[in-house]
Amino acid sequence: MPTQSDAYPELEVFVGGWFHQDWGAFGETVEEVVQDYKKVVGQIRVSQVCAEMDQFIQENGPTVEFAFEQRWGWLRPAGLGYTIPEFFEELKRILST
């Protein structure tokens, strides 16, 4: 039986691996953390994580905030001034530079 992480494997790696409790170890800002991820994983995985962010938003629609909290409750983009769609858009913007 598939698990939740099966639906978004690279997004699980990105959020779980770079935005965990000690995400400050990868940079002082969201941009620095994202740039570290981008440097480590390469372009194919960057493209995959961007597609998975779009898929997550599309599949969860109006319940996206709740769905994000259920998966990655330790990460609070609202505390950084973002809704989940805004947070993903910012991540994708940084990944595309």
PDB file of N, CA and C in Angstrom:
ATOM      1  N   MET A   1       0.840  -1.176   0.000  1.00  0.00           N
ATOM      2  CA  MET A   1       0.000   0.000   0.000  1.00  0.00           C
ATOM      3  C   MET A   1       0.887   1.242   0.000  1.00  0.00           C
ATOM      4  N   PRO A   2       0.619   2.213  -0.889  1.00  0.00           N
ATOM      5  CA  PRO A   2       1.453   3.413  -0.958  1.00  0.00           C
ATOM      6  C   PRO A   2       1.329   4.253   0.307  1.00  0.00           C
ATOM      7  N   THR A   3       2.423   4.909   0.653  1.00  0.00           N
ATOM      8  CA  THR A   3       2.418   5.823   1.786  1.00  0.00           C
ATOM      9  C   THR A   3       2.304   7.247   1.275  1.00  0.00           C
ATOM     10  N   GLN A   4       2.094   8.186   2.205  1.00  0.00           N
ATOM     11  CA  GLN A   4       2.004   9.595   1.817  1.00  0.00           C
ATOM     12  C   GLN A   4       3.261  10.059   1.104  1.00  0.00           C
ATOM     13  N   SER A   5       4.417   9.584   1.543  1.00  0.00           N
ATOM     14  CA  SER A   5       5.663  10.049   0.942  1.00  0.00           C
ATOM     15  C   SER A   5       5.833   9.550  -0.480  1.00  0.00           C
ATOM     16  N   ASP A   6       5.114   8.468  -0.851  1.00  0.00           N
ATOM     17  CA  ASP A   6       5.216   7.949  -2.210  1.00  0.00           C
ATOM     18  C   ASP A   6       4.674   8.942  -3.244  1.00  0.00           C
ATOM     19  N   ALA A   7       3.704   9.741  -2.853  1.00  0.00           N
ATOM     20  CA  ALA A   7       3.086  10.675  -3.788  1.00  0.00           C
ATOM     21  C   ALA A   7       4.008  11.841  -4.141  1.00  0.00           C
ATOM     22  N   TYR A   8       4.863  12.211  -3.226  1.00  0.00           N
ATOM     23  CA  TYR A   8       5.734  13.374  -3.406  1.00  0.00           C
ATOM     24  C   TYR A   8       7.137  13.049  -2.895  1.00  0.00           C
ATOM     25  N   PRO A   9       7.825  12.120  -3.508  1.00  0.00           N
ATOM     26  CA  PRO A   9       9.110  11.667  -2.934  1.00  0.00           C
ATOM     27  C   PRO A   9      10.174  12.757  -2.848  1.00  0.00           C
ATOM     28  N   GLU A  10      10.305  13.580  -3.870  1.00  0.00           N
ATOM     29  CA  GLU A  10      11.351  14.613  -3.819  1.00  0.00           C
ATOM     30  C   GLU A  10      10.949  15.763  -2.906  1.00  0.00           C
ATOM     31  N   LEU A  11       9.680  16.057  -2.830  1.00  0.00           N
ATOM     32  CA  LEU A  11       9.213  17.090  -1.909  1.00  0.00           C
ATOM     33  C   LEU A  11       9.439  16.638  -0.471  1.00  0.00           C
ATOM     34  N   GLU A  12       9.261  15.354  -0.206  1.00  0.00           N
ATOM     35  CA  GLU A  12       9.567  14.805   1.119  1.00  0.00           C
ATOM     36  C   GLU A  12      11.048  14.989   1.447  1.00  0.00           C
ATOM     37  N   VAL A  13      11.913  14.718   0.472  1.00  0.00           N
ATOM     38  CA  VAL A  13      13.361  14.896   0.669  1.00  0.00           C
ATOM     39  C   VAL A  13      13.678  16.364   0.931  1.00  0.00           C
ATOM     40  N   PHE A  14      13.111  17.237   0.131  1.00  0.00           N
ATOM     41  CA  PHE A  14      13.391  18.668   0.233  1.00  0.00           C
ATOM     42  C   PHE A  14      12.937  19.223   1.580  1.00  0.00           C
ATOM     43  N   VAL A  15      11.678  19.025   1.912  1.00  0.00           N
ATOM     44  CA  VAL A  15      11.153  19.574   3.166  1.00  0.00           C
ATOM     45  C   VAL A  15      11.778  18.858   4.365  1.00  0.00           C
ATOM     46  N   GLY A  16      11.790  17.535   4.319  1.00  0.00           N
ATOM     47  CA  GLY A  16      12.318  16.770   5.451  1.00  0.00           C
ATOM     48  C   GLY A  16      13.815  16.893   5.631  1.00  0.00           C
ATOM     49  N   GLY A  17      14.530  17.023   4.528  1.00  0.00           N
ATOM     50  CA  GLY A  17      15.987  17.065   4.583  1.00  0.00           C
ATOM     51  C   GLY A  17      16.588  18.439   4.745  1.00  0.00           C
ATOM     52  N   TRP A  18      15.889  19.459   4.293  1.00  0.00           N
ATOM     53  CA  TRP A  18      16.451  20.811   4.347  1.00  0.00           C
ATOM     54  C   TRP A  18      15.677  21.761   5.250  1.00  0.00           C
ATOM     55  N   PHE A  19      14.416  21.491   5.511  1.00  0.00           N
ATOM     56  CA  PHE A  19      13.614  22.390   6.343  1.00  0.00           C
ATOM     57  C   PHE A  19      13.173  21.725   7.642  1.00  0.00           C
ATOM     58  N   HIS A  20      14.010  20.841   8.171  1.00  0.00           N
ATOM     59  CA  HIS A  20      13.719  20.206   9.454  1.00  0.00           C
ATOM     60  C   HIS A  20      14.018  21.182  10.589  1.00  0.00           C
ATOM     61  N   GLN A  21      13.943  20.716  11.821  1.00  0.00           N
ATOM     62  CA  GLN A  21      14.142  21.583  12.990  1.00  0.00           C
ATOM     63  C   GLN A  21      15.420  22.403  12.932  1.00  0.00           C
ATOM     64  N   ASP A  22      16.463  21.837  12.394  1.00  0.00           N
ATOM     65  CA  ASP A  22      17.764  22.513  12.348  1.00  0.00           C
ATOM     66  C   ASP A  22      18.062  23.089  10.969  1.00  0.00           C
ATOM     67  N   TRP A  23      17.018  23.551  10.264  1.00  0.00           N
ATOM     68  CA  TRP A  23      17.230  24.008   8.899  1.00  0.00           C
ATOM     69  C   TRP A  23      18.195  25.177   8.828  1.00  0.00           C
ATOM     70  N   GLY A  24      18.388  25.884   9.915  1.00  0.00           N
ATOM     71  CA  GLY A  24      19.354  26.968   9.932  1.00  0.00           C
ATOM     72  C   GLY A  24      20.779  26.513   9.676  1.00  0.00           C
ATOM     73  N   ALA A  25      21.029  25.222   9.800  1.00  0.00           N
ATOM     74  CA  ALA A  25      22.365  24.691   9.509  1.00  0.00           C
ATOM     75  C   ALA A  25      22.696  24.804   8.023  1.00  0.00           C
ATOM     76  N   PHE A  26      21.650  24.934   7.178  1.00  0.00           N
ATOM     77  CA  PHE A  26      21.861  25.026   5.734  1.00  0.00           C
ATOM     78  C   PHE A  26      21.881  26.457   5.237  1.00  0.00           C
ATOM     79  N   GLY A  27      21.572  27.402   6.115  1.00  0.00           N
ATOM     80  CA  GLY A  27      21.570  28.807   5.735  1.00  0.00           C
ATOM     81  C   GLY A  27      20.754  29.610   6.714  1.00  0.00           C
ATOM     82  N   GLU A  28      20.959  30.901   6.682  1.00  0.00           N
ATOM     83  CA  GLU A  28      20.243  31.784   7.602  1.00  0.00           C
ATOM     84  C   GLU A  28      18.891  32.224   7.066  1.00  0.00           C
ATOM     85  N   THR A  29      18.685  32.082   5.763  1.00  0.00           N
ATOM     86  CA  THR A  29      17.430  32.500   5.140  1.00  0.00           C
ATOM     87  C   THR A  29      16.864  31.351   4.318  1.00  0.00           C
ATOM     88  N   VAL A  30      15.592  31.469   3.971  1.00  0.00           N
ATOM     89  CA  VAL A  30      14.966  30.474   3.095  1.00  0.00           C
ATOM     90  C   VAL A  30      15.759  30.378   1.794  1.00  0.00           C
ATOM     91  N   GLU A  31      16.152  31.502   1.251  1.00  0.00           N
ATOM     92  CA  GLU A  31      16.895  31.502  -0.013  1.00  0.00           C
ATOM     93  C   GLU A  31      18.202  30.718   0.103  1.00  0.00           C
ATOM     94  N   GLU A  32      18.933  30.907   1.178  1.00  0.00           N
ATOM     95  CA  GLU A  32      20.196  30.174   1.352  1.00  0.00           C
ATOM     96  C   GLU A  32      19.956  28.676   1.480  1.00  0.00           C
ATOM     97  N   VAL A  33      18.902  28.288   2.173  1.00  0.00           N
ATOM     98  CA  VAL A  33      18.578  26.868   2.328  1.00  0.00           C
ATOM     99  C   VAL A  33      18.219  26.264   0.978  1.00  0.00           C
ATOM    100  N   VAL A  34      17.406  26.960   0.211  1.00  0.00           N
ATOM    101  CA  VAL A  34      16.999  26.470  -1.108  1.00  0.00           C
ATOM    102  C   VAL A  34      18.207  26.370  -2.035  1.00  0.00           C
ATOM    103  N   GLN A  35      19.087  27.355  -1.994  1.00  0.00           N
ATOM    104  CA  GLN A  35      20.288  27.313  -2.830  1.00  0.00           C
ATOM    105  C   GLN A  35      21.173  26.123  -2.453  1.00  0.00           C
ATOM    106  N   ASP A  36      21.244  25.788  -1.181  1.00  0.00           N
ATOM    107  CA  ASP A  36      22.018  24.625  -0.761  1.00  0.00           C
ATOM    108  C   ASP A  36      21.411  23.349  -1.332  1.00  0.00           C
ATOM    109  N   TYR A  37      20.104  23.206  -1.227  1.00  0.00           N
ATOM    110  CA  TYR A  37      19.412  22.040  -1.807  1.00  0.00           C
ATOM    111  C   TYR A  37      19.716  21.948  -3.303  1.00  0.00           C
ATOM    112  N   LYS A  38      19.558  23.057  -3.989  1.00  0.00           N
ATOM    113  CA  LYS A  38      19.770  23.098  -5.448  1.00  0.00           C
ATOM    114  C   LYS A  38      21.191  22.675  -5.809  1.00  0.00           C
ATOM    115  N   LYS A  39      22.148  23.120  -5.044  1.00  0.00           N
ATOM    116  CA  LYS A  39      23.551  22.784  -5.294  1.00  0.00           C
ATOM    117  C   LYS A  39      23.809  21.287  -5.098  1.00  0.00           C
ATOM    118  N   VAL A  40      23.160  20.703  -4.114  1.00  0.00           N
ATOM    119  CA  VAL A  40      23.395  19.303  -3.766  1.00  0.00           C
ATOM    120  C   VAL A  40      22.712  18.335  -4.728  1.00  0.00           C
ATOM    121  N   VAL A  41      21.463  18.617  -5.123  1.00  0.00           N
ATOM    122  CA  VAL A  41      20.679  17.601  -5.831  1.00  0.00           C
ATOM    123  C   VAL A  41      20.755  17.652  -7.351  1.00  0.00           C
ATOM    124  N   GLY A  42      21.012  18.781  -7.945  1.00  0.00           N
ATOM    125  CA  GLY A  42      21.088  18.871  -9.393  1.00  0.00           C
ATOM    126  C   GLY A  42      19.746  19.176 -10.054  1.00  0.00           C
ATOM    127  N   GLN A  43      19.810  19.481 -11.336  1.00  0.00           N
ATOM    128  CA  GLN A  43      18.658  20.031 -12.063  1.00  0.00           C
ATOM    129  C   GLN A  43      17.491  19.056 -12.234  1.00  0.00           C
ATOM    130  N   ILE A  44      17.748  17.784 -12.429  1.00  0.00           N
ATOM    131  CA  ILE A  44      16.640  16.831 -12.615  1.00  0.00           C
ATOM    132  C   ILE A  44      15.765  16.787 -11.372  1.00  0.00           C
ATOM    133  N   ARG A  45      16.381  16.720 -10.221  1.00  0.00           N
ATOM    134  CA  ARG A  45      15.610  16.678  -8.972  1.00  0.00           C
ATOM    135  C   ARG A  45      14.968  18.022  -8.655  1.00  0.00           C
ATOM    136  N   VAL A  46      15.596  19.107  -9.051  1.00  0.00           N
ATOM    137  CA  VAL A  46      14.982  20.430  -8.889  1.00  0.00           C
ATOM    138  C   VAL A  46      13.693  20.495  -9.708  1.00  0.00           C
ATOM    139  N   SER A  47      13.748  20.030 -10.943  1.00  0.00           N
ATOM    140  CA  SER A  47      12.546  20.003 -11.784  1.00  0.00           C
ATOM    141  C   SER A  47      11.468  19.124 -11.165  1.00  0.00           C
ATOM    142  N   GLN A  48      11.871  17.992 -10.616  1.00  0.00           N
ATOM    143  CA  GLN A  48      10.920  17.074  -9.994  1.00  0.00           C
ATOM    144  C   GLN A  48      10.252  17.726  -8.782  1.00  0.00           C
ATOM    145  N   VAL A  49      11.032  18.365  -7.923  1.00  0.00           N
ATOM    146  CA  VAL A  49      10.427  18.956  -6.719  1.00  0.00           C
ATOM    147  C   VAL A  49       9.481  20.095  -7.093  1.00  0.00           C
ATOM    148  N   CYS A  50       9.804  20.859  -8.118  1.00  0.00           N
ATOM    149  CA  CYS A  50       8.897  21.923  -8.558  1.00  0.00           C
ATOM    150  C   CYS A  50       7.577  21.342  -9.057  1.00  0.00           C
ATOM    151  N   ALA A  51       7.662  20.272  -9.819  1.00  0.00           N
ATOM    152  CA  ALA A  51       6.448  19.604 -10.307  1.00  0.00           C
ATOM    153  C   ALA A  51       5.638  19.041  -9.145  1.00  0.00           C
ATOM    154  N   GLU A  52       6.308  18.494  -8.148  1.00  0.00           N
ATOM    155  CA  GLU A  52       5.607  17.944  -6.990  1.00  0.00           C
ATOM    156  C   GLU A  52       4.945  19.036  -6.157  1.00  0.00           C
ATOM    157  N   MET A  53       5.553  20.211  -6.075  1.00  0.00           N
ATOM    158  CA  MET A  53       4.906  21.324  -5.372  1.00  0.00           C
ATOM    159  C   MET A  53       3.616  21.711  -6.088  1.00  0.00           C
ATOM    160  N   ASP A  54       3.675  21.807  -7.409  1.00  0.00           N
ATOM    161  CA  ASP A  54       2.470  22.116  -8.187  1.00  0.00           C
ATOM    162  C   ASP A  54       1.408  21.042  -7.987  1.00  0.00           C
ATOM    163  N   GLN A  55       1.823  19.790  -8.017  1.00  0.00           N
ATOM    164  CA  GLN A  55       0.903  18.665  -7.836  1.00  0.00           C
ATOM    165  C   GLN A  55       0.260  18.727  -6.443  1.00  0.00           C
ATOM    166  N   PHE A  56       1.046  19.004  -5.426  1.00  0.00           N
ATOM    167  CA  PHE A  56       0.528  19.083  -4.056  1.00  0.00           C
ATOM    168  C   PHE A  56      -0.543  20.161  -3.946  1.00  0.00           C
ATOM    169  N   ILE A  57      -0.286  21.329  -4.517  1.00  0.00           N
ATOM    170  CA  ILE A  57      -1.258  22.425  -4.490  1.00  0.00           C
ATOM    171  C   ILE A  57      -2.522  22.012  -5.238  1.00  0.00           C
ATOM    172  N   GLN A  58      -2.350  21.450  -6.413  1.00  0.00           N
ATOM    173  CA  GLN A  58      -3.496  21.058  -7.243  1.00  0.00           C
ATOM    174  C   GLN A  58      -4.332  19.985  -6.555  1.00  0.00           C
ATOM    175  N   GLU A  59      -3.700  18.988  -5.995  1.00  0.00           N
ATOM    176  CA  GLU A  59      -4.425  17.874  -5.401  1.00  0.00           C
ATOM    177  C   GLU A  59      -5.093  18.236  -4.083  1.00  0.00           C
ATOM    178  N   ASN A  60      -4.579  19.234  -3.383  1.00  0.00           N
ATOM    179  CA  ASN A  60      -5.137  19.582  -2.082  1.00  0.00           C
ATOM    180  C   ASN A  60      -6.011  20.826  -2.089  1.00  0.00           C
ATOM    181  N   GLY A  61      -5.937  21.607  -3.150  1.00  0.00           N
ATOM    182  CA  GLY A  61      -6.825  22.754  -3.337  1.00  0.00           C
ATOM    183  C   GLY A  61      -7.069  23.563  -2.079  1.00  0.00           C
ATOM    184  N   PRO A  62      -8.344  23.720  -1.703  1.00  0.00           N
ATOM    185  CA  PRO A  62      -8.672  24.578  -0.574  1.00  0.00           C
ATOM    186  C   PRO A  62      -8.215  24.036   0.784  1.00  0.00           C
ATOM    187  N   THR A  63      -7.794  22.783   0.833  1.00  0.00           N
ATOM    188  CA  THR A  63      -7.323  22.200   2.097  1.00  0.00           C
ATOM    189  C   THR A  63      -5.803  22.097   2.138  1.00  0.00           C
ATOM    190  N   VAL A  64      -5.121  22.850   1.289  1.00  0.00           N
ATOM    191  CA  VAL A  64      -3.661  22.727   1.170  1.00  0.00           C
ATOM    192  C   VAL A  64      -2.946  23.072   2.476  1.00  0.00           C
ATOM    193  N   GLU A  65      -3.430  24.064   3.200  1.00  0.00           N
ATOM    194  CA  GLU A  65      -2.779  24.437   4.458  1.00  0.00           C
ATOM    195  C   GLU A  65      -2.860  23.267   5.448  1.00  0.00           C
ATOM    196  N   PHE A  66      -4.024  22.649   5.549  1.00  0.00           N
ATOM    197  CA  PHE A  66      -4.220  21.505   6.440  1.00  0.00           C
ATOM    198  C   PHE A  66      -3.371  20.318   5.984  1.00  0.00           C
ATOM    199  N   ALA A  67      -3.367  20.040   4.687  1.00  0.00           N
ATOM    200  CA  ALA A  67      -2.587  18.914   4.152  1.00  0.00           C
ATOM    201  C   ALA A  67      -1.098  19.098   4.430  1.00  0.00           C
ATOM    202  N   PHE A  68      -0.608  20.312   4.265  1.00  0.00           N
ATOM    203  CA  PHE A  68       0.802  20.596   4.547  1.00  0.00           C
ATOM    204  C   PHE A  68       1.091  20.370   6.025  1.00  0.00           C
ATOM    205  N   GLU A  69       0.219  20.865   6.881  1.00  0.00           N
ATOM    206  CA  GLU A  69       0.424  20.707   8.322  1.00  0.00           C
ATOM    207  C   GLU A  69       0.410  19.230   8.724  1.00  0.00           C
ATOM    208  N   GLN A  70      -0.430  18.439   8.098  1.00  0.00           N
ATOM    209  CA  GLN A  70      -0.489  17.019   8.411  1.00  0.00           C
ATOM    210  C   GLN A  70       0.813  16.306   8.052  1.00  0.00           C
ATOM    211  N   ARG A  71       1.456  16.722   6.984  1.00  0.00           N
ATOM    212  CA  ARG A  71       2.698  16.093   6.533  1.00  0.00           C
ATOM    213  C   ARG A  71       3.931  16.664   7.208  1.00  0.00           C
ATOM    214  N   TRP A  72       3.999  17.973   7.259  1.00  0.00           N
ATOM    215  CA  TRP A  72       5.212  18.654   7.703  1.00  0.00           C
ATOM    216  C   TRP A  72       4.898  19.682   8.778  1.00  0.00           C
ATOM    217  N   GLY A  73       4.189  19.263   9.806  1.00  0.00           N
ATOM    218  CA  GLY A  73       3.704  20.167  10.839  1.00  0.00           C
ATOM    219  C   GLY A  73       4.765  20.958  11.571  1.00  0.00           C
ATOM    220  N   TRP A  74       5.988  20.466  11.566  1.00  0.00           N
ATOM    221  CA  TRP A  74       7.064  21.194  12.247  1.00  0.00           C
ATOM    222  C   TRP A  74       7.466  22.461  11.500  1.00  0.00           C
ATOM    223  N   LEU A  75       7.193  22.518  10.200  1.00  0.00           N
ATOM    224  CA  LEU A  75       7.563  23.683   9.388  1.00  0.00           C
ATOM    225  C   LEU A  75       6.348  24.598   9.288  1.00  0.00           C
ATOM    226  N   ARG A  76       6.512  25.824   9.695  1.00  0.00           N
ATOM    227  CA  ARG A  76       5.410  26.791   9.722  1.00  0.00           C
ATOM    228  C   ARG A  76       5.700  27.967   8.791  1.00  0.00           C
ATOM    229  N   PRO A  77       5.409  27.818   7.496  1.00  0.00           N
ATOM    230  CA  PRO A  77       5.629  28.933   6.573  1.00  0.00           C
ATOM    231  C   PRO A  77       4.881  30.206   6.962  1.00  0.00           C
ATOM    232  N   ALA A  78       3.760  30.069   7.654  1.00  0.00           N
ATOM    233  CA  ALA A  78       3.023  31.257   8.094  1.00  0.00           C
ATOM    234  C   ALA A  78       3.885  32.115   9.015  1.00  0.00           C
ATOM    235  N   GLY A  79       4.731  31.472   9.803  1.00  0.00           N
ATOM    236  CA  GLY A  79       5.640  32.206  10.671  1.00  0.00           C
ATOM    237  C   GLY A  79       6.696  32.989   9.902  1.00  0.00           C
ATOM    238  N   LEU A  80       6.890  32.604   8.645  1.00  0.00           N
ATOM    239  CA  LEU A  80       7.818  33.316   7.765  1.00  0.00           C
ATOM    240  C   LEU A  80       7.083  34.309   6.874  1.00  0.00           C
ATOM    241  N   GLY A  81       5.747  34.396   7.054  1.00  0.00           N
ATOM    242  CA  GLY A  81       4.951  35.347   6.286  1.00  0.00           C
ATOM    243  C   GLY A  81       4.342  34.789   5.014  1.00  0.00           C
ATOM    244  N   TYR A  82       4.261  33.465   4.885  1.00  0.00           N
ATOM    245  CA  TYR A  82       3.762  32.835   3.666  1.00  0.00           C
ATOM    246  C   TYR A  82       2.535  31.970   3.926  1.00  0.00           C
ATOM    247  N   THR A  83       1.622  31.927   2.963  1.00  0.00           N
ATOM    248  CA  THR A  83       0.669  30.837   2.879  1.00  0.00           C
ATOM    249  C   THR A  83       1.424  29.687   2.219  1.00  0.00           C
ATOM    250  N   ILE A  84       0.865  28.504   2.187  1.00  0.00           N
ATOM    251  CA  ILE A  84       1.555  27.385   1.538  1.00  0.00           C
ATOM    252  C   ILE A  84       1.742  27.649   0.040  1.00  0.00           C
ATOM    253  N   PRO A  85       0.707  28.073  -0.688  1.00  0.00           N
ATOM    254  CA  PRO A  85       0.951  28.383  -2.106  1.00  0.00           C
ATOM    255  C   PRO A  85       2.033  29.451  -2.306  1.00  0.00           C
ATOM    256  N   GLU A  86       2.041  30.477  -1.473  1.00  0.00           N
ATOM    257  CA  GLU A  86       3.073  31.518  -1.580  1.00  0.00           C
ATOM    258  C   GLU A  86       4.455  30.958  -1.266  1.00  0.00           C
ATOM    259  N   PHE A  87       4.527  30.100  -0.263  1.00  0.00           N
ATOM    260  CA  PHE A  87       5.806  29.488   0.108  1.00  0.00           C
ATOM    261  C   PHE A  87       6.350  28.655  -1.049  1.00  0.00           C
ATOM    262  N   PHE A  88       5.497  27.827  -1.634  1.00  0.00           N
ATOM    263  CA  PHE A  88       5.941  27.011  -2.763  1.00  0.00           C
ATOM    264  C   PHE A  88       6.345  27.881  -3.955  1.00  0.00           C
ATOM    265  N   GLU A  89       5.612  28.950  -4.206  1.00  0.00           N
ATOM    266  CA  GLU A  89       5.980  29.846  -5.306  1.00  0.00           C
ATOM    267  C   GLU A  89       7.341  30.480  -5.053  1.00  0.00           C
ATOM    268  N   GLU A  90       7.596  30.858  -3.818  1.00  0.00           N
ATOM    269  CA  GLU A  90       8.901  31.440  -3.470  1.00  0.00           C
ATOM    270  C   GLU A  90      10.005  30.400  -3.642  1.00  0.00           C
ATOM    271  N   LEU A  91       9.760  29.176  -3.186  1.00  0.00           N
ATOM    272  CA  LEU A  91      10.759  28.120  -3.364  1.00  0.00           C
ATOM    273  C   LEU A  91      11.044  27.893  -4.847  1.00  0.00           C
ATOM    274  N   LYS A  92      10.012  27.820  -5.649  1.00  0.00           N
ATOM    275  CA  LYS A  92      10.189  27.609  -7.097  1.00  0.00           C
ATOM    276  C   LYS A  92      10.916  28.786  -7.740  1.00  0.00           C
ATOM    277  N   ARG A  93      10.622  30.003  -7.282  1.00  0.00           N
ATOM    278  CA  ARG A  93      11.312  31.179  -7.821  1.00  0.00           C
ATOM    279  C   ARG A  93      12.807  31.065  -7.551  1.00  0.00           C
ATOM    280  N   ILE A  94      13.154  30.729  -6.343  1.00  0.00           N
ATOM    281  CA  ILE A  94      14.575  30.601  -5.981  1.00  0.00           C
ATOM    282  C   ILE A  94      15.211  29.459  -6.762  1.00  0.00           C
ATOM    283  N   LEU A  95      14.521  28.352  -6.885  1.00  0.00           N
ATOM    284  CA  LEU A  95      15.071  27.197  -7.611  1.00  0.00           C
ATOM    285  C   LEU A  95      15.284  27.502  -9.093  1.00  0.00           C
ATOM    286  N   SER A  96      14.519  28.446  -9.629  1.00  0.00           N
ATOM    287  CA  SER A  96      14.644  28.747 -11.061  1.00  0.00           C
ATOM    288  C   SER A  96      15.743  29.744 -11.372  1.00  0.00           C
ATOM    289  N   THR A  97      16.364  30.316 -10.347  1.00  0.00           N
ATOM    290  CA  THR A  97      17.427  31.319 -10.585  1.00  0.00           C
ATOM    291  C   THR A  97      18.787  30.659 -10.640  1.00  0.00           C
TER     292      THR A  97
END
